[in-house]
């Protein structure tokens, strides 16, 4: 029986088209700027996001770190959400490696940061304080899409207060598909944007940091310092090109499957699920730790994998079909029907 893996959209495997492109990729040494396939990927990403340049990196964590280090110096500060990936789930890299202090703020129910609180958190120009240099937003944030009007207001605040604005857009294309806009419309509000290829877009590895030519050049230097210089990375870039050219529009299928899952779970007892709250490819459940562990064990025995740190997050992706969703809903029904 097929394993249905709902732990994350990072578990996708490269499709046959990606494997063929990787096998046939023309390569060169990227540290010398001579990998033609990687150069094409970076140019494609910059064009799709409307930026001057882009840089291929190993992961979204590395991309966010490079952005923070390119925008900020030692003793500076960035503002981010308490549950933002760049603050909570990246090992404190900005502080450890960049000497950049985070200032976390509570995330609102819609995934935004309250801009009044952001303004209040910006430090005065005084030697007692770290210098606030950067505001980081995340889109999607736990599956929630930041409204375009909010992005415009955040951009205005950043400009008025002399801050740079970075987007952790690990799932930027999910947000764009949900809003029915091009990714560049979202990216246009930011000075730098990180995009993951290895989540819903289905590439085996890699992220892109997009921004101005100067920012990307600075990030490229820090990538080398951090040991991230690429050699014949066109083999990986070829998969990224397929991801960007063939796998963006199909994200709507993942969103539909997430809603299908939420509707199925909402129809049974023992769970509180609001299908209307599902905007992209994530469904969240709140269960007691004991109940969550028992559920995970029960499902694992039926070759269904789930996970969660502070609640259960069910993530749909290209390797999960509508029929798989029906099987998952039936298994949930079996579990809660026993209680």
C-alpha atoms as a PDB file:
ATOM      1  CA  UNK A   1       0.000   0.000   0.000  1.00  0.00           C
ATOM      2  CA  UNK A   2       1.261   3.487  -0.891  1.00  0.00           C
ATOM      3  CA  UNK A   3       2.656   5.631   1.924  1.00  0.00           C
ATOM      4  CA  UNK A   4       0.759   8.926   2.189  1.00  0.00           C
ATOM      5  CA  UNK A   5       3.119  11.471   3.704  1.00  0.00           C
ATOM      6  CA  UNK A   6       1.417  14.586   5.062  1.00  0.00           C
ATOM      7  CA  UNK A   7       4.295  15.721   7.281  1.00  0.00           C
ATOM      8  CA  UNK A   8       5.455  18.438   4.881  1.00  0.00           C
ATOM      9  CA  UNK A   9       5.598  19.404   1.224  1.00  0.00           C
ATOM     10  CA  UNK A  10       9.382  18.956   1.479  1.00  0.00           C
ATOM     11  CA  UNK A  11       8.937  15.194   1.109  1.00  0.00           C
ATOM     12  CA  UNK A  12       8.092  15.375  -2.613  1.00  0.00           C
ATOM     13  CA  UNK A  13      10.272  13.365  -4.965  1.00  0.00           C
ATOM     14  CA  UNK A  14      11.541  14.647  -8.323  1.00  0.00           C
ATOM     15  CA  UNK A  15       9.190  13.785 -11.157  1.00  0.00           C
ATOM     16  CA  UNK A  16      10.409  11.986 -14.329  1.00  0.00           C
ATOM     17  CA  UNK A  17      10.729  15.310 -16.178  1.00  0.00           C
ATOM     18  CA  UNK A  18      13.039  16.603 -13.473  1.00  0.00           C
ATOM     19  CA  UNK A  19      15.157  13.459 -13.486  1.00  0.00           C
ATOM     20  CA  UNK A  20      15.538  13.672 -17.256  1.00  0.00           C
ATOM     21  CA  UNK A  21      16.465  17.350 -17.097  1.00  0.00           C
ATOM     22  CA  UNK A  22      19.003  16.675 -14.353  1.00  0.00           C
ATOM     23  CA  UNK A  23      20.610  13.850 -16.327  1.00  0.00           C
ATOM     24  CA  UNK A  24      20.934  16.014 -19.434  1.00  0.00           C
ATOM     25  CA  UNK A  25      21.978  19.268 -17.702  1.00  0.00           C
ATOM     26  CA  UNK A  26      24.877  21.231 -19.165  1.00  0.00           C
ATOM     27  CA  UNK A  27      27.173  22.149 -16.280  1.00  0.00           C
ATOM     28  CA  UNK A  28      30.200  24.241 -15.368  1.00  0.00           C
ATOM     29  CA  UNK A  29      31.853  25.692 -12.257  1.00  0.00           C
ATOM     30  CA  UNK A  30      29.420  28.112 -10.633  1.00  0.00           C
ATOM     31  CA  UNK A  31      32.064  29.743  -8.422  1.00  0.00           C
ATOM     32  CA  UNK A  32      33.561  30.981 -11.706  1.00  0.00           C
ATOM     33  CA  UNK A  33      30.068  31.869 -12.940  1.00  0.00           C
ATOM     34  CA  UNK A  34      30.382  29.221 -15.650  1.00  0.00           C
ATOM     35  CA  UNK A  35      27.450  26.887 -15.015  1.00  0.00           C
ATOM     36  CA  UNK A  36      25.026  27.688 -17.845  1.00  0.00           C
ATOM     37  CA  UNK A  37      22.080  25.800 -16.395  1.00  0.00           C
ATOM     38  CA  UNK A  38      22.435  27.497 -13.023  1.00  0.00           C
ATOM     39  CA  UNK A  39      22.759  30.869 -14.726  1.00  0.00           C
ATOM     40  CA  UNK A  40      19.517  30.163 -16.594  1.00  0.00           C
ATOM     41  CA  UNK A  41      17.730  29.242 -13.367  1.00  0.00           C
ATOM     42  CA  UNK A  42      18.829  32.438 -11.632  1.00  0.00           C
ATOM     43  CA  UNK A  43      17.826  34.560 -14.628  1.00  0.00           C
ATOM     44  CA  UNK A  44      14.448  32.818 -14.805  1.00  0.00           C
ATOM     45  CA  UNK A  45      13.773  33.378 -11.104  1.00  0.00           C
ATOM     46  CA  UNK A  46      14.742  37.049 -11.316  1.00  0.00           C
ATOM     47  CA  UNK A  47      12.436  37.520 -14.304  1.00  0.00           C
ATOM     48  CA  UNK A  48       9.505  35.761 -12.617  1.00  0.00           C
ATOM     49  CA  UNK A  49       9.891  37.822  -9.428  1.00  0.00           C
ATOM     50  CA  UNK A  50      10.741  41.088 -11.170  1.00  0.00           C
ATOM     51  CA  UNK A  51      14.129  41.537  -9.498  1.00  0.00           C
ATOM     52  CA  UNK A  52      17.527  42.418 -10.900  1.00  0.00           C
ATOM     53  CA  UNK A  53      19.216  39.208  -9.839  1.00  0.00           C
ATOM     54  CA  UNK A  54      18.827  35.891  -8.043  1.00  0.00           C
ATOM     55  CA  UNK A  55      21.143  33.498  -6.222  1.00  0.00           C
ATOM     56  CA  UNK A  56      20.736  29.717  -5.953  1.00  0.00           C
ATOM     57  CA  UNK A  57      21.432  28.388  -2.449  1.00  0.00           C
ATOM     58  CA  UNK A  58      21.164  25.083  -0.627  1.00  0.00           C
ATOM     59  CA  UNK A  59      18.063  25.789   1.468  1.00  0.00           C
ATOM     60  CA  UNK A  60      15.504  28.323   2.603  1.00  0.00           C
ATOM     61  CA  UNK A  61      17.327  28.607   5.912  1.00  0.00           C
ATOM     62  CA  UNK A  62      20.510  29.586   4.086  1.00  0.00           C
ATOM     63  CA  UNK A  63      18.604  32.001   1.871  1.00  0.00           C
ATOM     64  CA  UNK A  64      17.036  33.806   4.835  1.00  0.00           C
ATOM     65  CA  UNK A  65      20.370  33.923   6.648  1.00  0.00           C
ATOM     66  CA  UNK A  66      22.124  35.403   3.621  1.00  0.00           C
ATOM     67  CA  UNK A  67      19.416  38.030   3.278  1.00  0.00           C
ATOM     68  CA  UNK A  68      19.687  39.071   6.923  1.00  0.00           C
ATOM     69  CA  UNK A  69      23.489  39.222   6.734  1.00  0.00           C
ATOM     70  CA  UNK A  70      23.356  41.210   3.493  1.00  0.00           C
ATOM     71  CA  UNK A  71      20.930  43.751   4.976  1.00  0.00           C
ATOM     72  CA  UNK A  72      22.385  43.942   8.494  1.00  0.00           C
ATOM     73  CA  UNK A  73      25.746  44.219  10.220  1.00  0.00           C
ATOM     74  CA  UNK A  74      26.917  43.049  13.625  1.00  0.00           C
ATOM     75  CA  UNK A  75      24.954  44.743  16.383  1.00  0.00           C
ATOM     76  CA  UNK A  76      21.987  45.377  14.100  1.00  0.00           C
ATOM     77  CA  UNK A  77      18.485  43.987  14.572  1.00  0.00           C
ATOM     78  CA  UNK A  78      15.733  42.437  12.491  1.00  0.00           C
ATOM     79  CA  UNK A  79      12.039  42.263  13.382  1.00  0.00           C
ATOM     80  CA  UNK A  80      10.120  39.046  12.700  1.00  0.00           C
ATOM     81  CA  UNK A  81       7.159  37.060  13.966  1.00  0.00           C
ATOM     82  CA  UNK A  82       7.395  34.815  17.018  1.00  0.00           C
ATOM     83  CA  UNK A  83       6.485  31.851  14.812  1.00  0.00           C
ATOM     84  CA  UNK A  84       8.410  33.041  11.755  1.00  0.00           C
ATOM     85  CA  UNK A  85      10.710  30.414  10.313  1.00  0.00           C
ATOM     86  CA  UNK A  86      13.675  32.814  10.172  1.00  0.00           C
ATOM     87  CA  UNK A  87      13.349  33.432  13.922  1.00  0.00           C
ATOM     88  CA  UNK A  88      12.068  30.193  15.413  1.00  0.00           C
ATOM     89  CA  UNK A  89      13.237  27.353  13.220  1.00  0.00           C
ATOM     90  CA  UNK A  90      16.634  28.319  11.829  1.00  0.00           C
ATOM     91  CA  UNK A  91      18.897  27.617  14.778  1.00  0.00           C
ATOM     92  CA  UNK A  92      19.431  31.254  15.699  1.00  0.00           C
ATOM     93  CA  UNK A  93      21.748  31.539  12.697  1.00  0.00           C
ATOM     94  CA  UNK A  94      21.467  35.305  12.276  1.00  0.00           C
ATOM     95  CA  UNK A  95      22.588  35.843  15.865  1.00  0.00           C
ATOM     96  CA  UNK A  96      25.170  33.038  15.929  1.00  0.00           C
ATOM     97  CA  UNK A  97      26.799  33.707  12.565  1.00  0.00           C
ATOM     98  CA  UNK A  98      25.871  37.301  11.760  1.00  0.00           C
ATOM     99  CA  UNK A  99      25.766  38.958  15.172  1.00  0.00           C
ATOM    100  CA  UNK A 100      22.280  40.212  14.259  1.00  0.00           C
ATOM    101  CA  UNK A 101      19.726  40.419  17.069  1.00  0.00           C
ATOM    102  CA  UNK A 102      16.153  39.278  16.455  1.00  0.00           C
ATOM    103  CA  UNK A 103      13.176  41.224  17.807  1.00  0.00           C
ATOM    104  CA  UNK A 104      10.209  38.822  17.687  1.00  0.00           C
ATOM    105  CA  UNK A 105       6.601  40.007  17.747  1.00  0.00           C
ATOM    106  CA  UNK A 106       3.362  38.068  18.096  1.00  0.00           C
ATOM    107  CA  UNK A 107       1.788  36.978  14.825  1.00  0.00           C
ATOM    108  CA  UNK A 108      -1.832  37.956  14.259  1.00  0.00           C
ATOM    109  CA  UNK A 109      -4.513  35.378  13.446  1.00  0.00           C
ATOM    110  CA  UNK A 110      -4.302  36.231   9.745  1.00  0.00           C
ATOM    111  CA  UNK A 111      -0.532  35.683   9.622  1.00  0.00           C
ATOM    112  CA  UNK A 112       0.406  39.366   9.586  1.00  0.00           C
ATOM    113  CA  UNK A 113       2.428  41.424  12.034  1.00  0.00           C
ATOM    114  CA  UNK A 114       0.550  44.353  13.557  1.00  0.00           C
ATOM    115  CA  UNK A 115       2.281  47.321  11.935  1.00  0.00           C
ATOM    116  CA  UNK A 116       1.579  49.551  14.935  1.00  0.00           C
ATOM    117  CA  UNK A 117       3.507  47.085  17.081  1.00  0.00           C
ATOM    118  CA  UNK A 118       6.219  46.873  14.440  1.00  0.00           C
ATOM    119  CA  UNK A 119       6.626  50.652  14.527  1.00  0.00           C
ATOM    120  CA  UNK A 120       6.776  50.618  18.328  1.00  0.00           C
ATOM    121  CA  UNK A 121       9.467  47.911  18.261  1.00  0.00           C
ATOM    122  CA  UNK A 122      11.855  49.938  16.078  1.00  0.00           C
ATOM    123  CA  UNK A 123      14.665  51.062  18.354  1.00  0.00           C
ATOM    124  CA  UNK A 124      15.527  54.742  18.859  1.00  0.00           C
ATOM    125  CA  UNK A 125      18.826  55.984  17.456  1.00  0.00           C
ATOM    126  CA  UNK A 126      20.708  55.621  20.713  1.00  0.00           C
ATOM    127  CA  UNK A 127      23.915  53.720  21.541  1.00  0.00           C
ATOM    128  CA  UNK A 128      22.030  51.753  24.194  1.00  0.00           C
ATOM    129  CA  UNK A 129      20.065  49.872  21.522  1.00  0.00           C
ATOM    130  CA  UNK A 130      20.697  47.584  18.620  1.00  0.00           C
ATOM    131  CA  UNK A 131      20.106  49.334  15.292  1.00  0.00           C
ATOM    132  CA  UNK A 132      16.836  48.159  13.756  1.00  0.00           C
ATOM    133  CA  UNK A 133      17.595  47.598  10.080  1.00  0.00           C
ATOM    134  CA  UNK A 134      15.208  44.991   8.694  1.00  0.00           C
ATOM    135  CA  UNK A 135      11.596  43.832   8.828  1.00  0.00           C
ATOM    136  CA  UNK A 136      10.994  40.186   7.852  1.00  0.00           C
ATOM    137  CA  UNK A 137       7.588  38.903   6.795  1.00  0.00           C
ATOM    138  CA  UNK A 138       6.602  35.357   5.841  1.00  0.00           C
ATOM    139  CA  UNK A 139       4.211  34.386   3.022  1.00  0.00           C
ATOM    140  CA  UNK A 140       2.558  31.992   3.405  1.00  0.00           C
ATOM    141  CA  UNK A 141       2.611  32.044   7.201  1.00  0.00           C
ATOM    142  CA  UNK A 142       1.357  28.675   8.473  1.00  0.00           C
ATOM    143  CA  UNK A 143      -0.593  28.362   5.243  1.00  0.00           C
ATOM    144  CA  UNK A 144      -2.127  31.825   5.515  1.00  0.00           C
ATOM    145  CA  UNK A 145      -1.734  34.314   2.670  1.00  0.00           C
ATOM    146  CA  UNK A 146      -0.732  37.898   3.446  1.00  0.00           C
ATOM    147  CA  UNK A 147      -3.140  40.366   1.744  1.00  0.00           C
ATOM    148  CA  UNK A 148      -1.657  42.558  -0.981  1.00  0.00           C
ATOM    149  CA  UNK A 149      -2.970  45.702   0.708  1.00  0.00           C
ATOM    150  CA  UNK A 150      -1.137  44.762   3.892  1.00  0.00           C
ATOM    151  CA  UNK A 151       2.114  44.311   1.950  1.00  0.00           C
ATOM    152  CA  UNK A 152       1.759  47.844   0.593  1.00  0.00           C
ATOM    153  CA  UNK A 153       1.293  49.235   4.090  1.00  0.00           C
ATOM    154  CA  UNK A 154       4.280  47.287   5.378  1.00  0.00           C
ATOM    155  CA  UNK A 155       6.405  48.621   2.533  1.00  0.00           C
ATOM    156  CA  UNK A 156       5.334  52.191   3.317  1.00  0.00           C
ATOM    157  CA  UNK A 157       6.209  51.777   6.996  1.00  0.00           C
ATOM    158  CA  UNK A 158       9.602  50.294   6.146  1.00  0.00           C
ATOM    159  CA  UNK A 159      10.409  53.191   3.812  1.00  0.00           C
ATOM    160  CA  UNK A 160       9.273  55.806   6.310  1.00  0.00           C
ATOM    161  CA  UNK A 161      11.386  54.277   9.084  1.00  0.00           C
ATOM    162  CA  UNK A 162      14.475  53.490   7.014  1.00  0.00           C
ATOM    163  CA  UNK A 163      14.135  49.692   7.152  1.00  0.00           C
ATOM    164  CA  UNK A 164      14.773  47.127   4.468  1.00  0.00           C
ATOM    165  CA  UNK A 165      11.964  44.620   3.887  1.00  0.00           C
ATOM    166  CA  UNK A 166      12.628  40.896   3.410  1.00  0.00           C
ATOM    167  CA  UNK A 167      10.117  38.209   2.506  1.00  0.00           C
ATOM    168  CA  UNK A 168      10.567  34.622   3.560  1.00  0.00           C
ATOM    169  CA  UNK A 169       8.587  33.422   0.564  1.00  0.00           C
ATOM    170  CA  UNK A 170       9.328  29.739   0.991  1.00  0.00           C
ATOM    171  CA  UNK A 171       5.788  29.161  -0.329  1.00  0.00           C
ATOM    172  CA  UNK A 172       5.474  32.417  -2.279  1.00  0.00           C
ATOM    173  CA  UNK A 173       4.018  30.644  -5.299  1.00  0.00           C
ATOM    174  CA  UNK A 174       1.317  29.060  -3.134  1.00  0.00           C
ATOM    175  CA  UNK A 175       0.373  32.572  -2.056  1.00  0.00           C
ATOM    176  CA  UNK A 176       0.400  33.846  -5.637  1.00  0.00           C
ATOM    177  CA  UNK A 177      -1.797  30.998  -6.870  1.00  0.00           C
ATOM    178  CA  UNK A 178      -4.229  31.509  -3.980  1.00  0.00           C
ATOM    179  CA  UNK A 179      -4.462  35.240  -4.754  1.00  0.00           C
ATOM    180  CA  UNK A 180      -4.627  34.715  -8.515  1.00  0.00           C
ATOM    181  CA  UNK A 181      -1.675  37.026  -9.193  1.00  0.00           C
ATOM    182  CA  UNK A 182       1.837  36.699 -10.572  1.00  0.00           C
ATOM    183  CA  UNK A 183       4.556  36.141  -7.997  1.00  0.00           C
ATOM    184  CA  UNK A 184       6.217  39.393  -9.046  1.00  0.00           C
ATOM    185  CA  UNK A 185       3.205  41.341  -7.762  1.00  0.00           C
ATOM    186  CA  UNK A 186       3.908  40.060  -4.247  1.00  0.00           C
ATOM    187  CA  UNK A 187       7.688  40.359  -4.588  1.00  0.00           C
ATOM    188  CA  UNK A 188       7.464  43.981  -5.788  1.00  0.00           C
ATOM    189  CA  UNK A 189       6.912  45.168  -2.213  1.00  0.00           C
ATOM    190  CA  UNK A 190      10.207  43.739  -0.915  1.00  0.00           C
ATOM    191  CA  UNK A 191      13.917  44.451  -1.081  1.00  0.00           C
ATOM    192  CA  UNK A 192      14.718  40.731  -0.994  1.00  0.00           C
ATOM    193  CA  UNK A 193      12.697  37.560  -1.407  1.00  0.00           C
ATOM    194  CA  UNK A 194      13.554  33.965  -0.543  1.00  0.00           C
ATOM    195  CA  UNK A 195      11.777  31.242  -2.543  1.00  0.00           C
ATOM    196  CA  UNK A 196      12.009  27.475  -1.940  1.00  0.00           C
ATOM    197  CA  UNK A 197      12.106  25.099  -4.885  1.00  0.00           C
ATOM    198  CA  UNK A 198      11.991  21.975  -2.714  1.00  0.00           C
ATOM    199  CA  UNK A 199       8.516  22.362  -1.193  1.00  0.00           C
ATOM    200  CA  UNK A 200       5.356  22.471  -3.271  1.00  0.00           C
ATOM    201  CA  UNK A 201       7.303  23.065  -6.468  1.00  0.00           C
ATOM    202  CA  UNK A 202       8.774  19.598  -6.070  1.00  0.00           C
ATOM    203  CA  UNK A 203      12.493  20.069  -6.733  1.00  0.00           C
ATOM    204  CA  UNK A 204      14.813  17.789  -4.718  1.00  0.00           C
ATOM    205  CA  UNK A 205      16.840  20.615  -3.171  1.00  0.00           C
ATOM    206  CA  UNK A 206      17.467  24.338  -3.306  1.00  0.00           C
ATOM    207  CA  UNK A 207      16.143  27.849  -2.770  1.00  0.00           C
ATOM    208  CA  UNK A 208      16.624  31.211  -4.446  1.00  0.00           C
ATOM    209  CA  UNK A 209      17.358  34.617  -2.957  1.00  0.00           C
ATOM    210  CA  UNK A 210      16.109  37.377  -5.241  1.00  0.00           C
ATOM    211  CA  UNK A 211      16.759  41.098  -5.034  1.00  0.00           C
ATOM    212  CA  UNK A 212      18.857  43.925  -6.417  1.00  0.00           C
ATOM    213  CA  UNK A 213      22.164  43.244  -8.101  1.00  0.00           C
ATOM    214  CA  UNK A 214      24.035  44.752  -5.177  1.00  0.00           C
ATOM    215  CA  UNK A 215      22.194  42.738  -2.540  1.00  0.00           C
ATOM    216  CA  UNK A 216      22.640  39.474  -4.435  1.00  0.00           C
ATOM    217  CA  UNK A 217      26.354  40.191  -4.890  1.00  0.00           C
ATOM    218  CA  UNK A 218      26.702  40.711  -1.131  1.00  0.00           C
ATOM    219  CA  UNK A 219      24.729  37.539  -0.459  1.00  0.00           C
ATOM    220  CA  UNK A 220      26.907  35.623  -2.911  1.00  0.00           C
ATOM    221  CA  UNK A 221      29.981  36.647  -0.922  1.00  0.00           C
ATOM    222  CA  UNK A 222      28.383  35.491   2.339  1.00  0.00           C
ATOM    223  CA  UNK A 223      27.329  32.235   0.692  1.00  0.00           C
ATOM    224  CA  UNK A 224      30.995  31.570  -0.081  1.00  0.00           C
ATOM    225  CA  UNK A 225      32.042  32.494   3.467  1.00  0.00           C
ATOM    226  CA  UNK A 226      29.484  30.031   4.814  1.00  0.00           C
ATOM    227  CA  UNK A 227      30.841  27.256   2.633  1.00  0.00           C
ATOM    228  CA  UNK A 228      27.968  27.390   0.173  1.00  0.00           C
ATOM    229  CA  UNK A 229      29.907  27.982  -3.030  1.00  0.00           C
ATOM    230  CA  UNK A 230      28.472  25.846  -5.833  1.00  0.00           C
ATOM    231  CA  UNK A 231      30.427  23.901  -8.447  1.00  0.00           C
ATOM    232  CA  UNK A 232      28.583  21.857 -11.102  1.00  0.00           C
ATOM    233  CA  UNK A 233      25.233  22.738  -9.585  1.00  0.00           C
ATOM    234  CA  UNK A 234      23.470  22.785 -12.941  1.00  0.00           C
ATOM    235  CA  UNK A 235      22.373  19.235 -12.151  1.00  0.00           C
ATOM    236  CA  UNK A 236      20.250  20.687  -9.335  1.00  0.00           C
ATOM    237  CA  UNK A 237      19.361  23.855 -11.224  1.00  0.00           C
ATOM    238  CA  UNK A 238      17.820  21.805 -14.015  1.00  0.00           C
ATOM    239  CA  UNK A 239      15.258  20.459 -11.553  1.00  0.00           C
ATOM    240  CA  UNK A 240      14.614  24.023 -10.372  1.00  0.00           C
ATOM    241  CA  UNK A 241      13.886  25.158 -13.923  1.00  0.00           C
ATOM    242  CA  UNK A 242      11.307  22.389 -14.299  1.00  0.00           C
ATOM    243  CA  UNK A 243       9.837  23.381 -10.930  1.00  0.00           C
ATOM    244  CA  UNK A 244       9.370  27.011 -11.995  1.00  0.00           C
ATOM    245  CA  UNK A 245       8.134  26.337 -15.511  1.00  0.00           C
ATOM    246  CA  UNK A 246       5.871  23.327 -14.952  1.00  0.00           C
ATOM    247  CA  UNK A 247       4.839  23.098 -11.295  1.00  0.00           C
ATOM    248  CA  UNK A 248       3.483  26.514 -10.310  1.00  0.00           C
ATOM    249  CA  UNK A 249      -0.072  26.386 -11.660  1.00  0.00           C
ATOM    250  CA  UNK A 250      -0.598  22.846 -10.358  1.00  0.00           C
ATOM    251  CA  UNK A 251      -0.263  24.146  -6.777  1.00  0.00           C
ATOM    252  CA  UNK A 252      -4.001  24.845  -7.050  1.00  0.00           C
ATOM    253  CA  UNK A 253      -4.510  21.067  -6.920  1.00  0.00           C
ATOM    254  CA  UNK A 254      -2.736  20.930  -3.553  1.00  0.00           C
ATOM    255  CA  UNK A 255      -4.940  23.729  -2.250  1.00  0.00           C
ATOM    256  CA  UNK A 256      -8.065  21.905  -3.421  1.00  0.00           C
ATOM    257  CA  UNK A 257      -6.895  18.696  -1.759  1.00  0.00           C
ATOM    258  CA  UNK A 258      -6.254  20.543   1.507  1.00  0.00           C
ATOM    259  CA  UNK A 259      -9.801  21.903   1.438  1.00  0.00           C
ATOM    260  CA  UNK A 260     -11.101  18.422   0.623  1.00  0.00           C
ATOM    261  CA  UNK A 261      -9.224  17.103   3.643  1.00  0.00           C
ATOM    262  CA  UNK A 262     -10.516  19.878   5.918  1.00  0.00           C
ATOM    263  CA  UNK A 263     -14.102  19.320   4.791  1.00  0.00           C
ATOM    264  CA  UNK A 264     -13.807  15.588   5.404  1.00  0.00           C
ATOM    265  CA  UNK A 265     -12.363  16.064   8.883  1.00  0.00           C
ATOM    266  CA  UNK A 266     -14.882  18.762   9.781  1.00  0.00           C
ATOM    267  CA  UNK A 267     -17.724  16.339   9.084  1.00  0.00           C
ATOM    268  CA  UNK A 268     -16.685  13.929  11.825  1.00  0.00           C
ATOM    269  CA  UNK A 269     -16.843  14.200  15.600  1.00  0.00           C
ATOM    270  CA  UNK A 270     -13.822  14.698  17.829  1.00  0.00           C
ATOM    271  CA  UNK A 271     -12.195  17.386  15.704  1.00  0.00           C
ATOM    272  CA  UNK A 272     -12.623  21.120  15.281  1.00  0.00           C
ATOM    273  CA  UNK A 273     -11.630  22.048  11.748  1.00  0.00           C
ATOM    274  CA  UNK A 274     -12.734  25.122   9.794  1.00  0.00           C
ATOM    275  CA  UNK A 275     -12.467  24.469   6.034  1.00  0.00           C
ATOM    276  CA  UNK A 276     -12.944  28.192   5.376  1.00  0.00           C
ATOM    277  CA  UNK A 277      -9.640  28.857   7.157  1.00  0.00           C
ATOM    278  CA  UNK A 278      -7.703  26.682   4.685  1.00  0.00           C
ATOM    279  CA  UNK A 279      -6.208  29.084   2.154  1.00  0.00           C
ATOM    280  CA  UNK A 280      -3.412  27.004   0.651  1.00  0.00           C
ATOM    281  CA  UNK A 281      -2.015  23.519   1.300  1.00  0.00           C
ATOM    282  CA  UNK A 282      -2.104  23.208   5.089  1.00  0.00           C
ATOM    283  CA  UNK A 283      -4.679  21.947   7.572  1.00  0.00           C
ATOM    284  CA  UNK A 284      -4.055  22.355  11.314  1.00  0.00           C
ATOM    285  CA  UNK A 285      -5.453  20.281  14.173  1.00  0.00           C
ATOM    286  CA  UNK A 286      -5.239  20.909  17.898  1.00  0.00           C
ATOM    287  CA  UNK A 287      -5.171  17.742  20.001  1.00  0.00           C
ATOM    288  CA  UNK A 288      -3.751  16.923  23.397  1.00  0.00           C
ATOM    289  CA  UNK A 289      -0.214  15.476  23.210  1.00  0.00           C
ATOM    290  CA  UNK A 290      -1.404  12.018  24.239  1.00  0.00           C
ATOM    291  CA  UNK A 291      -4.216  12.006  21.682  1.00  0.00           C
ATOM    292  CA  UNK A 292      -1.913  13.335  18.964  1.00  0.00           C
ATOM    293  CA  UNK A 293       0.680  10.648  19.630  1.00  0.00           C
ATOM    294  CA  UNK A 294      -1.965   7.923  19.595  1.00  0.00           C
ATOM    295  CA  UNK A 295      -3.356   9.267  16.318  1.00  0.00           C
ATOM    296  CA  UNK A 296       0.092   9.384  14.710  1.00  0.00           C
ATOM    297  CA  UNK A 297       0.757   5.790  15.739  1.00  0.00           C
ATOM    298  CA  UNK A 298      -2.636   4.627  14.488  1.00  0.00           C
ATOM    299  CA  UNK A 299      -2.137   6.301  11.115  1.00  0.00           C
ATOM    300  CA  UNK A 300       1.453   5.133  10.751  1.00  0.00           C
ATOM    301  CA  UNK A 301       0.246   1.544  11.032  1.00  0.00           C
ATOM    302  CA  UNK A 302      -1.951   2.359   8.032  1.00  0.00           C
ATOM    303  CA  UNK A 303       0.978   3.896   6.126  1.00  0.00           C
ATOM    304  CA  UNK A 304      -0.125   7.485   6.666  1.00  0.00           C
ATOM    305  CA  UNK A 305       2.492   9.841   8.129  1.00  0.00           C
ATOM    306  CA  UNK A 306       1.698  12.999  10.100  1.00  0.00           C
ATOM    307  CA  UNK A 307       3.761  15.280  12.332  1.00  0.00           C
ATOM    308  CA  UNK A 308       3.600  18.474  14.333  1.00  0.00           C
ATOM    309  CA  UNK A 309       5.588  20.461  16.885  1.00  0.00           C
ATOM    310  CA  UNK A 310       2.878  22.542  18.575  1.00  0.00           C
ATOM    311  CA  UNK A 311      -0.138  20.977  16.942  1.00  0.00           C
ATOM    312  CA  UNK A 312      -0.658  18.690  13.980  1.00  0.00           C
ATOM    313  CA  UNK A 313       0.005  20.166  10.551  1.00  0.00           C
ATOM    314  CA  UNK A 314      -1.269  18.219   7.554  1.00  0.00           C
ATOM    315  CA  UNK A 315       0.376  19.341   4.319  1.00  0.00           C
ATOM    316  CA  UNK A 316      -0.777  18.402   0.833  1.00  0.00           C
ATOM    317  CA  UNK A 317       1.596  18.300  -2.133  1.00  0.00           C
ATOM    318  CA  UNK A 318       2.135  16.875  -5.614  1.00  0.00           C
ATOM    319  CA  UNK A 319       2.578  13.310  -4.326  1.00  0.00           C
ATOM    320  CA  UNK A 320      -0.833  13.303  -2.586  1.00  0.00           C
ATOM    321  CA  UNK A 321      -3.937  12.743  -4.723  1.00  0.00           C
ATOM    322  CA  UNK A 322      -7.641  13.293  -4.083  1.00  0.00           C
ATOM    323  CA  UNK A 323      -8.013   9.529  -3.653  1.00  0.00           C
ATOM    324  CA  UNK A 324      -5.260   9.629  -1.036  1.00  0.00           C
ATOM    325  CA  UNK A 325      -7.176  12.335   0.812  1.00  0.00           C
ATOM    326  CA  UNK A 326     -10.266  10.135   0.917  1.00  0.00           C
ATOM    327  CA  UNK A 327      -8.176   7.323   2.393  1.00  0.00           C
ATOM    328  CA  UNK A 328      -6.798   9.686   5.044  1.00  0.00           C
ATOM    329  CA  UNK A 329     -10.273  10.916   5.985  1.00  0.00           C
ATOM    330  CA  UNK A 330     -11.478   7.324   6.300  1.00  0.00           C
ATOM    331  CA  UNK A 331      -8.529   6.466   8.575  1.00  0.00           C
ATOM    332  CA  UNK A 332      -9.259   9.504  10.785  1.00  0.00           C
ATOM    333  CA  UNK A 333     -12.849   8.332  10.975  1.00  0.00           C
ATOM    334  CA  UNK A 334     -11.731   4.880  12.082  1.00  0.00           C
ATOM    335  CA  UNK A 335      -9.545   6.393  14.814  1.00  0.00           C
ATOM    336  CA  UNK A 336     -12.112   8.771  16.264  1.00  0.00           C
ATOM    337  CA  UNK A 337     -14.895   6.239  15.842  1.00  0.00           C
ATOM    338  CA  UNK A 338     -13.141   3.985  18.361  1.00  0.00           C
ATOM    339  CA  UNK A 339     -13.129   6.629  21.113  1.00  0.00           C
END
